[in-house]
Amino acid sequence: MPLNYILLIRISLPLPYIDSVAYAVQLDGIRVAAILLPIPKSVLVPDHTGAGQTMVDSGTQFAFLLGATYDALKAKFLRQTKGVPPF
């Protein structure tokens, strides 16, 4: 499997809720099983407070997504796992 690289973004104007010691990337989209989810790119751009940023954090297993992004990912996940018994 080939490696993919992405540039880390540097925010020129510090925003209230951006973690200054975290690494952030700008997502273009999210794919599940090679299918691009129907998420407008504008939803993946941080707003004026920093909400919506994509941070890389190897110290946690949690992912926090804004409403439209979460809904699209959840719907795709539920379709992909239909019929799989819960554990």
N, C-alpha and C. Protein backbone atom coordinates (compact mmCIF):
# COMPACT_ATOMS: atom_id res chain seq x y z
N MET A 1 0.85 -1.17 0.00
CA MET A 1 0.00 0.00 0.00
C MET A 1 0.90 1.24 0.00
N PRO A 2 0.69 2.15 -0.94
CA PRO A 2 1.53 3.34 -0.99
C PRO A 2 1.22 4.31 0.15
N LEU A 3 2.23 5.05 0.53
CA LEU A 3 2.03 6.06 1.57
C LEU A 3 1.47 7.32 0.95
N ASN A 4 0.61 8.00 1.68
CA ASN A 4 0.08 9.29 1.25
C ASN A 4 0.55 10.33 2.25
N TYR A 5 0.91 11.47 1.76
CA TYR A 5 1.38 12.55 2.62
C TYR A 5 0.43 13.73 2.49
N ILE A 6 0.30 14.47 3.57
CA ILE A 6 -0.52 15.68 3.57
C ILE A 6 0.23 16.76 4.34
N LEU A 7 0.13 17.97 3.86
CA LEU A 7 0.78 19.08 4.55
C LEU A 7 0.03 19.46 5.81
N LEU A 8 0.78 19.78 6.85
CA LEU A 8 0.17 20.33 8.05
C LEU A 8 -0.09 21.79 7.77
N ILE A 9 -1.20 22.31 8.27
CA ILE A 9 -1.51 23.71 8.02
C ILE A 9 -1.06 24.57 9.18
N ARG A 10 -0.67 25.77 8.89
CA ARG A 10 -0.28 26.72 9.91
C ARG A 10 -1.31 27.84 9.89
N ILE A 11 -1.96 28.04 11.00
CA ILE A 11 -2.99 29.07 11.09
C ILE A 11 -2.29 30.39 11.40
N SER A 12 -2.46 31.36 10.53
CA SER A 12 -1.76 32.64 10.71
C SER A 12 -2.41 33.51 11.78
N LEU A 13 -3.72 33.38 11.94
CA LEU A 13 -4.43 34.17 12.94
C LEU A 13 -4.89 33.22 14.05
N PRO A 14 -4.31 33.33 15.24
CA PRO A 14 -4.72 32.43 16.32
C PRO A 14 -6.21 32.57 16.63
N LEU A 15 -6.91 31.46 16.69
CA LEU A 15 -8.34 31.45 16.98
C LEU A 15 -8.57 30.94 18.39
N PRO A 16 -9.67 31.32 19.02
CA PRO A 16 -9.89 30.99 20.44
C PRO A 16 -9.79 29.52 20.80
N TYR A 17 -10.28 28.62 19.95
CA TYR A 17 -10.34 27.21 20.34
C TYR A 17 -9.38 26.33 19.54
N ILE A 18 -8.35 26.92 18.98
CA ILE A 18 -7.34 26.11 18.27
C ILE A 18 -6.21 25.82 19.25
N ASP A 19 -5.89 24.58 19.38
CA ASP A 19 -4.82 24.15 20.27
C ASP A 19 -3.49 24.51 19.62
N SER A 20 -2.75 25.39 20.23
CA SER A 20 -1.51 25.89 19.62
C SER A 20 -0.40 24.85 19.56
N VAL A 21 -0.51 23.76 20.32
CA VAL A 21 0.54 22.74 20.29
C VAL A 21 0.12 21.50 19.49
N ALA A 22 -1.08 21.53 18.94
CA ALA A 22 -1.56 20.38 18.17
C ALA A 22 -1.22 20.54 16.70
N TYR A 23 -1.15 19.43 16.00
CA TYR A 23 -0.98 19.44 14.56
C TYR A 23 -2.36 19.41 13.92
N ALA A 24 -2.57 20.22 12.90
CA ALA A 24 -3.86 20.25 12.22
C ALA A 24 -3.64 19.99 10.74
N VAL A 25 -4.61 19.33 10.12
CA VAL A 25 -4.59 19.10 8.68
C VAL A 25 -5.90 19.62 8.11
N GLN A 26 -5.90 19.99 6.86
CA GLN A 26 -7.12 20.44 6.20
C GLN A 26 -7.67 19.27 5.39
N LEU A 27 -8.82 18.74 5.79
CA LEU A 27 -9.42 17.63 5.06
C LEU A 27 -10.09 18.14 3.80
N ASP A 28 -10.01 17.35 2.74
CA ASP A 28 -10.74 17.62 1.51
C ASP A 28 -12.02 16.81 1.47
N GLY A 29 -12.05 15.73 2.23
CA GLY A 29 -13.22 14.85 2.25
C GLY A 29 -12.92 13.62 3.08
N ILE A 30 -13.92 12.77 3.22
CA ILE A 30 -13.78 11.52 3.97
C ILE A 30 -14.30 10.40 3.08
N ARG A 31 -13.52 9.35 2.95
CA ARG A 31 -13.91 8.18 2.16
C ARG A 31 -14.14 7.00 3.09
N VAL A 32 -15.16 6.23 2.77
CA VAL A 32 -15.43 4.97 3.45
C VAL A 32 -15.57 3.93 2.35
N ALA A 33 -14.75 2.89 2.42
CA ALA A 33 -14.75 1.84 1.40
C ALA A 33 -14.60 2.45 0.01
N ALA A 34 -13.67 3.39 -0.11
CA ALA A 34 -13.33 4.06 -1.38
C ALA A 34 -14.44 4.96 -1.92
N ILE A 35 -15.50 5.18 -1.15
CA ILE A 35 -16.60 6.05 -1.59
C ILE A 35 -16.49 7.37 -0.84
N LEU A 36 -16.43 8.45 -1.60
CA LEU A 36 -16.36 9.79 -1.01
C LEU A 36 -17.72 10.15 -0.43
N LEU A 37 -17.75 10.50 0.85
CA LEU A 37 -19.01 10.87 1.49
C LEU A 37 -19.48 12.23 0.98
N PRO A 38 -20.81 12.43 0.92
CA PRO A 38 -21.36 13.69 0.41
C PRO A 38 -21.28 14.80 1.45
N ILE A 39 -20.08 15.26 1.70
CA ILE A 39 -19.85 16.32 2.69
C ILE A 39 -19.30 17.54 1.95
N PRO A 40 -19.97 18.68 2.02
CA PRO A 40 -19.42 19.87 1.36
C PRO A 40 -18.06 20.24 1.97
N LYS A 41 -17.12 20.61 1.12
CA LYS A 41 -15.79 20.98 1.62
C LYS A 41 -15.86 22.13 2.61
N SER A 42 -16.86 22.99 2.46
CA SER A 42 -16.99 24.13 3.37
C SER A 42 -17.23 23.69 4.81
N VAL A 43 -17.80 22.50 5.00
CA VAL A 43 -18.05 21.98 6.35
C VAL A 43 -16.75 21.55 7.02
N LEU A 44 -15.73 21.25 6.23
CA LEU A 44 -14.47 20.76 6.76
C LEU A 44 -13.47 21.88 7.05
N VAL A 45 -13.86 23.12 6.84
CA VAL A 45 -12.99 24.27 7.09
C VAL A 45 -13.34 24.86 8.45
N PRO A 46 -12.35 25.11 9.31
CA PRO A 46 -12.65 25.69 10.62
C PRO A 46 -13.36 27.04 10.49
N ASP A 47 -14.30 27.28 11.40
CA ASP A 47 -14.98 28.58 11.39
C ASP A 47 -14.15 29.62 12.15
N HIS A 48 -14.71 30.79 12.37
CA HIS A 48 -13.96 31.89 12.99
C HIS A 48 -13.53 31.61 14.43
N THR A 49 -14.11 30.59 15.07
CA THR A 49 -13.70 30.25 16.44
C THR A 49 -12.69 29.11 16.47
N GLY A 50 -12.52 28.43 15.34
CA GLY A 50 -11.65 27.27 15.30
C GLY A 50 -12.43 25.97 15.29
N ALA A 51 -13.74 26.04 15.50
CA ALA A 51 -14.57 24.82 15.46
C ALA A 51 -14.51 24.24 14.06
N GLY A 52 -14.35 22.94 13.99
CA GLY A 52 -14.29 22.27 12.70
C GLY A 52 -12.89 21.92 12.25
N GLN A 53 -11.89 22.29 13.06
CA GLN A 53 -10.52 21.95 12.69
C GLN A 53 -10.30 20.45 12.77
N THR A 54 -9.35 19.95 12.02
CA THR A 54 -8.99 18.54 12.06
C THR A 54 -7.61 18.46 12.68
N MET A 55 -7.55 17.93 13.88
CA MET A 55 -6.28 17.83 14.60
C MET A 55 -5.83 16.38 14.61
N VAL A 56 -4.54 16.19 14.61
CA VAL A 56 -3.94 14.87 14.72
C VAL A 56 -3.53 14.70 16.18
N ASP A 57 -4.10 13.68 16.84
CA ASP A 57 -3.80 13.44 18.25
C ASP A 57 -3.63 11.94 18.44
N SER A 58 -2.40 11.50 18.57
CA SER A 58 -2.15 10.06 18.74
C SER A 58 -2.39 9.60 20.17
N GLY A 59 -2.76 10.52 21.05
CA GLY A 59 -2.96 10.17 22.45
C GLY A 59 -4.41 9.91 22.83
N THR A 60 -5.32 9.89 21.87
CA THR A 60 -6.71 9.62 22.19
C THR A 60 -7.36 8.77 21.11
N GLN A 61 -8.37 8.04 21.49
CA GLN A 61 -9.10 7.22 20.53
C GLN A 61 -10.39 7.88 20.08
N PHE A 62 -10.64 9.10 20.50
CA PHE A 62 -11.88 9.79 20.18
C PHE A 62 -11.76 10.61 18.91
N ALA A 63 -12.86 10.73 18.21
CA ALA A 63 -12.96 11.63 17.06
C ALA A 63 -14.18 12.50 17.29
N PHE A 64 -14.04 13.78 17.11
CA PHE A 64 -15.15 14.71 17.26
C PHE A 64 -15.41 15.33 15.90
N LEU A 65 -16.64 15.23 15.44
CA LEU A 65 -17.00 15.74 14.12
C LEU A 65 -18.19 16.68 14.27
N LEU A 66 -18.22 17.70 13.42
CA LEU A 66 -19.37 18.59 13.40
C LEU A 66 -20.58 17.87 12.79
N GLY A 67 -21.76 18.37 13.05
CA GLY A 67 -23.03 17.73 12.69
C GLY A 67 -23.12 17.09 11.32
N ALA A 68 -22.93 17.86 10.25
CA ALA A 68 -23.10 17.33 8.89
C ALA A 68 -22.09 16.23 8.60
N THR A 69 -20.87 16.41 9.05
CA THR A 69 -19.82 15.41 8.83
C THR A 69 -20.13 14.14 9.62
N TYR A 70 -20.50 14.31 10.87
CA TYR A 70 -20.84 13.16 11.71
C TYR A 70 -22.02 12.38 11.13
N ASP A 71 -23.06 13.09 10.72
CA ASP A 71 -24.25 12.42 10.18
C ASP A 71 -23.92 11.61 8.94
N ALA A 72 -23.11 12.16 8.04
CA ALA A 72 -22.75 11.45 6.81
C ALA A 72 -21.91 10.21 7.13
N LEU A 73 -20.95 10.34 8.02
CA LEU A 73 -20.09 9.21 8.39
C LEU A 73 -20.89 8.14 9.12
N LYS A 74 -21.75 8.55 10.03
CA LYS A 74 -22.57 7.60 10.79
C LYS A 74 -23.50 6.81 9.85
N ALA A 75 -24.16 7.51 8.93
CA ALA A 75 -25.07 6.85 8.00
C ALA A 75 -24.33 5.82 7.15
N LYS A 76 -23.15 6.18 6.66
CA LYS A 76 -22.36 5.24 5.84
C LYS A 76 -21.90 4.06 6.67
N PHE A 77 -21.45 4.32 7.89
CA PHE A 77 -21.00 3.25 8.78
C PHE A 77 -22.15 2.28 9.06
N LEU A 78 -23.34 2.80 9.35
CA LEU A 78 -24.48 1.93 9.64
C LEU A 78 -24.86 1.10 8.42
N ARG A 79 -24.78 1.69 7.22
CA ARG A 79 -25.07 0.92 6.00
C ARG A 79 -24.02 -0.17 5.78
N GLN A 80 -22.76 0.15 6.04
CA GLN A 80 -21.68 -0.82 5.83
C GLN A 80 -21.73 -1.96 6.83
N THR A 81 -22.27 -1.73 8.02
CA THR A 81 -22.26 -2.75 9.07
C THR A 81 -23.65 -3.38 9.29
N LYS A 82 -24.59 -3.11 8.39
CA LYS A 82 -25.91 -3.69 8.52
C LYS A 82 -25.81 -5.20 8.52
N GLY A 83 -26.43 -5.83 9.47
CA GLY A 83 -26.39 -7.28 9.57
C GLY A 83 -25.26 -7.82 10.43
N VAL A 84 -24.32 -6.95 10.82
CA VAL A 84 -23.23 -7.38 11.70
C VAL A 84 -23.76 -7.32 13.14
N PRO A 85 -23.71 -8.45 13.85
CA PRO A 85 -24.24 -8.44 15.22
C PRO A 85 -23.42 -7.52 16.14
N PRO A 86 -24.10 -6.77 16.99
CA PRO A 86 -23.38 -5.91 17.94
C PRO A 86 -22.66 -6.80 18.97
N PHE A 87 -21.59 -6.26 19.55
CA PHE A 87 -20.87 -7.05 20.56
C PHE A 87 -20.94 -6.40 21.89
